[in-house]
Amino acid sequence: MREHLLQFIFYVAAALSIFGAVSVVLQKNPVRAVLSLVFSFFMIAIVWMMCQAEFLALVLVLVYVGAVMTLFLFVVMMLNIDVEVEQPFPKLAIPVAISLLIALLGIFWMALPKDLLPTAVEQMTSGVTNTAAIGNVLYTNYTAMVELTAVLLLVAIVSSIALAHRQTRHANRQDVKKQIMVSRKQRVQLIDMPSENNQ
């Protein structure tokens, strides 16, 4: 009974993660798209927990959901984006997207090493913890990829900050220097206006 319940939770979480990922693409509102991505991350974390990858699940929740996606959400909310722009959807977009998805999945399938499953089973049976195995693989075989990912994340952070602090043309901003350098004659200006009786 417990095994069937775990399988049911696994498949439900996997289906909901796919639903959240599709919702990210189909949402026109960027805030809702970010929230859908957060929901998909939570479902993927459940799947990873059931696959006994506790470290990856906790990193996904704490780092991505707790820090990165919160940053994205604030940046999207600060940007001046017209969230309800109705644009005509091209008819060729869906077949092209499906073709690209199939090609991408094929590339991923060809890139997977053939001894991936035996290596994972061997690590689980050898007594090496999940965190130690991931650290050994990342910082020995894939050191260059880890450094490249760090550079890409740094570029994304700098770009988001630059977009958030861009100057708008018609914004009313306070010029502190102009206020300090004003003279006494310019602070109060008396204007003669005719009274209503004289009109």
Protein backbone atom coordinates (compact mmCIF):
# COMPACT_ATOMS: atom_id res chain seq x y z
CA MET A 1 0.00 0.00 0.00
CA ARG A 2 2.79 2.41 0.89
CA GLU A 3 4.62 1.65 -2.37
CA HIS A 4 1.50 2.40 -4.44
CA LEU A 5 1.01 5.68 -2.55
CA LEU A 6 4.60 6.71 -3.24
CA GLN A 7 4.21 5.90 -6.93
CA PHE A 8 0.98 7.90 -7.05
CA ILE A 9 2.68 10.93 -5.44
CA PHE A 10 5.63 10.60 -7.84
CA TYR A 11 3.50 10.58 -10.98
CA VAL A 12 1.23 13.39 -9.74
CA ALA A 13 4.23 15.59 -8.91
CA ALA A 14 5.83 14.81 -12.29
CA ALA A 15 2.60 15.67 -14.15
CA LEU A 16 2.16 18.91 -12.18
CA SER A 17 5.77 19.92 -12.88
CA ILE A 18 5.15 19.49 -16.62
CA PHE A 19 1.91 21.45 -16.30
CA GLY A 20 3.78 24.28 -14.53
CA ALA A 21 6.50 24.34 -17.18
CA VAL A 22 3.92 24.55 -19.99
CA SER A 23 2.11 27.30 -18.09
CA VAL A 24 5.36 29.31 -17.93
CA VAL A 25 5.50 29.36 -21.72
CA LEU A 26 1.81 30.03 -22.32
CA GLN A 27 1.28 32.77 -19.71
CA LYS A 28 1.10 36.31 -21.08
CA ASN A 29 1.51 37.91 -17.68
CA PRO A 30 5.22 37.75 -16.66
CA VAL A 31 4.41 37.67 -12.93
CA ARG A 32 2.15 34.65 -13.40
CA ALA A 33 4.85 33.01 -15.53
CA VAL A 34 7.40 33.40 -12.73
CA LEU A 35 4.92 32.01 -10.17
CA SER A 36 4.22 29.05 -12.47
CA LEU A 37 7.96 28.39 -12.66
CA VAL A 38 8.18 28.46 -8.86
CA PHE A 39 5.33 25.92 -8.69
CA SER A 40 7.13 23.71 -11.22
CA PHE A 41 10.32 23.90 -9.14
CA PHE A 42 8.44 22.75 -6.05
CA MET A 43 7.01 19.76 -7.91
CA ILE A 44 10.45 18.84 -9.28
CA ALA A 45 11.83 19.05 -5.75
CA ILE A 46 9.22 16.49 -4.66
CA VAL A 47 10.25 14.21 -7.52
CA TRP A 48 13.92 14.52 -6.56
CA MET A 49 13.14 13.79 -2.91
CA MET A 50 11.39 10.58 -3.94
CA CYS A 51 14.41 9.66 -6.09
CA GLN A 52 16.59 9.96 -2.95
CA ALA A 53 18.32 13.10 -4.25
CA GLU A 54 17.69 15.13 -1.11
CA PHE A 55 20.58 17.53 -1.66
CA LEU A 56 19.39 18.55 -5.14
CA ALA A 57 15.82 18.99 -3.89
CA LEU A 58 16.87 21.23 -1.01
CA VAL A 59 19.20 23.28 -3.22
CA LEU A 60 16.39 23.74 -5.75
CA VAL A 61 14.00 25.01 -3.08
CA LEU A 62 16.44 27.12 -1.05
CA VAL A 63 18.60 28.60 -3.83
CA TYR A 64 16.37 28.82 -6.88
CA VAL A 65 12.94 29.31 -5.33
CA GLY A 66 14.16 31.23 -2.28
CA ALA A 67 16.71 33.50 -3.95
CA VAL A 68 16.88 33.44 -7.74
CA MET A 69 13.15 33.30 -8.51
CA THR A 70 12.42 35.91 -5.83
CA LEU A 71 14.94 38.19 -7.53
CA PHE A 72 13.34 37.53 -10.92
CA LEU A 73 9.90 38.24 -9.49
CA PHE A 74 10.96 41.60 -8.05
CA VAL A 75 12.76 42.56 -11.26
CA VAL A 76 9.73 41.67 -13.38
CA MET A 77 7.46 43.67 -11.08
CA MET A 78 9.78 46.70 -11.23
CA LEU A 79 10.09 46.71 -15.01
CA ASN A 80 7.63 48.72 -17.06
CA ILE A 81 6.16 45.84 -19.02
CA ASP A 82 2.81 45.94 -20.76
CA VAL A 83 1.59 42.59 -19.48
CA GLU A 84 -1.61 42.32 -21.48
CA VAL A 85 -0.42 42.95 -25.02
CA GLU A 86 -2.56 41.02 -27.46
CA GLN A 87 -0.41 39.78 -30.32
CA PRO A 88 -1.49 37.53 -33.16
CA PHE A 89 -0.23 33.99 -32.61
CA PRO A 90 1.35 32.60 -35.79
CA LYS A 91 -0.02 29.27 -36.97
CA LEU A 92 3.40 27.86 -37.78
CA ALA A 93 4.67 28.41 -34.23
CA ILE A 94 3.19 25.22 -32.77
CA PRO A 95 4.58 22.77 -35.38
CA VAL A 96 7.97 24.46 -35.30
CA ALA A 97 8.02 24.38 -31.49
CA ILE A 98 7.08 20.67 -31.43
CA SER A 99 9.77 19.88 -34.01
CA LEU A 100 12.40 21.75 -32.03
CA LEU A 101 11.30 19.99 -28.84
CA ILE A 102 11.63 16.56 -30.46
CA ALA A 103 15.06 17.49 -31.84
CA LEU A 104 16.18 18.76 -28.44
CA LEU A 105 14.99 15.59 -26.69
CA GLY A 106 16.83 13.53 -29.29
CA ILE A 107 20.03 15.46 -28.68
CA PHE A 108 19.67 14.96 -24.94
CA TRP A 109 19.07 11.24 -25.41
CA MET A 110 22.19 10.92 -27.58
CA ALA A 111 24.26 12.96 -25.12
CA LEU A 112 23.40 10.76 -22.14
CA PRO A 113 26.21 8.35 -21.29
CA LYS A 114 25.37 4.68 -21.68
CA ASP A 115 26.75 3.76 -18.27
CA LEU A 116 24.73 6.40 -16.41
CA LEU A 117 22.37 4.01 -14.63
CA PRO A 118 25.03 1.42 -13.63
CA THR A 119 27.25 4.21 -12.29
CA ALA A 120 24.40 5.63 -10.19
CA VAL A 121 23.51 2.20 -8.82
CA GLU A 122 27.16 1.52 -8.02
CA GLN A 123 27.45 4.81 -6.12
CA MET A 124 24.29 4.07 -4.13
CA THR A 125 25.50 0.60 -3.19
CA SER A 126 29.07 1.69 -2.39
CA GLY A 127 28.01 3.78 0.60
CA VAL A 128 28.98 7.16 -0.94
CA THR A 129 26.49 9.86 -0.02
CA ASN A 130 24.58 11.74 -2.68
CA THR A 131 26.21 15.07 -1.83
CA ALA A 132 29.74 13.63 -1.95
CA ALA A 133 29.10 11.96 -5.30
CA ILE A 134 27.74 15.16 -6.83
CA GLY A 135 30.68 17.18 -5.47
CA ASN A 136 33.23 14.70 -6.83
CA VAL A 137 31.68 14.75 -10.29
CA LEU A 138 31.16 18.53 -10.49
CA TYR A 139 34.56 19.62 -9.26
CA THR A 140 36.66 17.01 -11.04
CA ASN A 141 35.10 16.20 -14.42
CA TYR A 142 32.95 19.28 -14.98
CA THR A 143 34.94 22.11 -13.40
CA ALA A 144 34.91 24.21 -16.59
CA MET A 145 31.13 23.81 -16.94
CA VAL A 146 30.59 24.91 -13.33
CA GLU A 147 32.72 28.03 -13.87
CA LEU A 148 30.89 28.82 -17.13
CA THR A 149 27.53 28.48 -15.38
CA ALA A 150 28.71 30.84 -12.65
CA VAL A 151 29.73 33.42 -15.26
CA LEU A 152 26.35 33.11 -17.01
CA LEU A 153 24.51 33.63 -13.71
CA LEU A 154 26.66 36.69 -12.99
CA VAL A 155 25.82 38.14 -16.41
CA ALA A 156 22.10 37.48 -15.79
CA ILE A 157 22.23 39.27 -12.42
CA VAL A 158 24.06 42.28 -13.86
CA SER A 159 21.62 42.45 -16.79
CA SER A 160 18.58 42.30 -14.52
CA ILE A 161 19.98 45.09 -12.34
CA ALA A 162 20.70 47.21 -15.43
CA LEU A 163 17.14 46.68 -16.70
CA ALA A 164 15.64 47.51 -13.31
CA HIS A 165 17.57 50.78 -13.00
CA ARG A 166 17.15 52.05 -16.53
CA GLN A 167 16.12 55.69 -16.79
CA THR A 168 12.64 56.41 -18.05
CA ARG A 169 12.14 59.50 -20.18
CA HIS A 170 8.97 60.91 -18.66
CA ALA A 171 9.57 60.12 -15.00
CA ASN A 172 9.29 62.88 -12.40
CA ARG A 173 12.43 62.55 -10.31
CA GLN A 174 13.76 64.63 -7.48
CA ASP A 175 16.90 66.62 -8.35
CA VAL A 176 18.59 67.09 -4.97
CA LYS A 177 21.50 69.12 -6.36
CA LYS A 178 19.14 71.57 -8.06
CA GLN A 179 17.20 72.00 -4.83
CA ILE A 180 20.33 72.71 -2.80
CA MET A 181 21.78 75.22 -5.29
CA VAL A 182 18.61 77.31 -5.50
CA SER A 183 18.85 80.98 -4.41
CA ARG A 184 16.60 82.75 -1.93
CA LYS A 185 14.80 84.70 -4.64
CA GLN A 186 13.87 81.50 -6.43
CA ARG A 187 12.35 79.79 -3.40
CA VAL A 188 9.27 81.99 -3.09
CA GLN A 189 7.71 83.62 -6.11
CA LEU A 190 4.86 86.14 -5.70
CA ILE A 191 2.36 86.26 -8.52
CA ASP A 192 -0.23 89.00 -8.94
CA MET A 193 -3.55 87.53 -9.90
CA PRO A 194 -6.73 89.53 -10.48
CA SER A 195 -9.53 88.86 -8.04
CA GLU A 196 -12.83 87.40 -9.14
CA ASN A 197 -14.66 90.67 -8.50
CA ASN A 198 -12.43 92.57 -10.93
CA GLN A 199 -13.16 90.10 -13.65
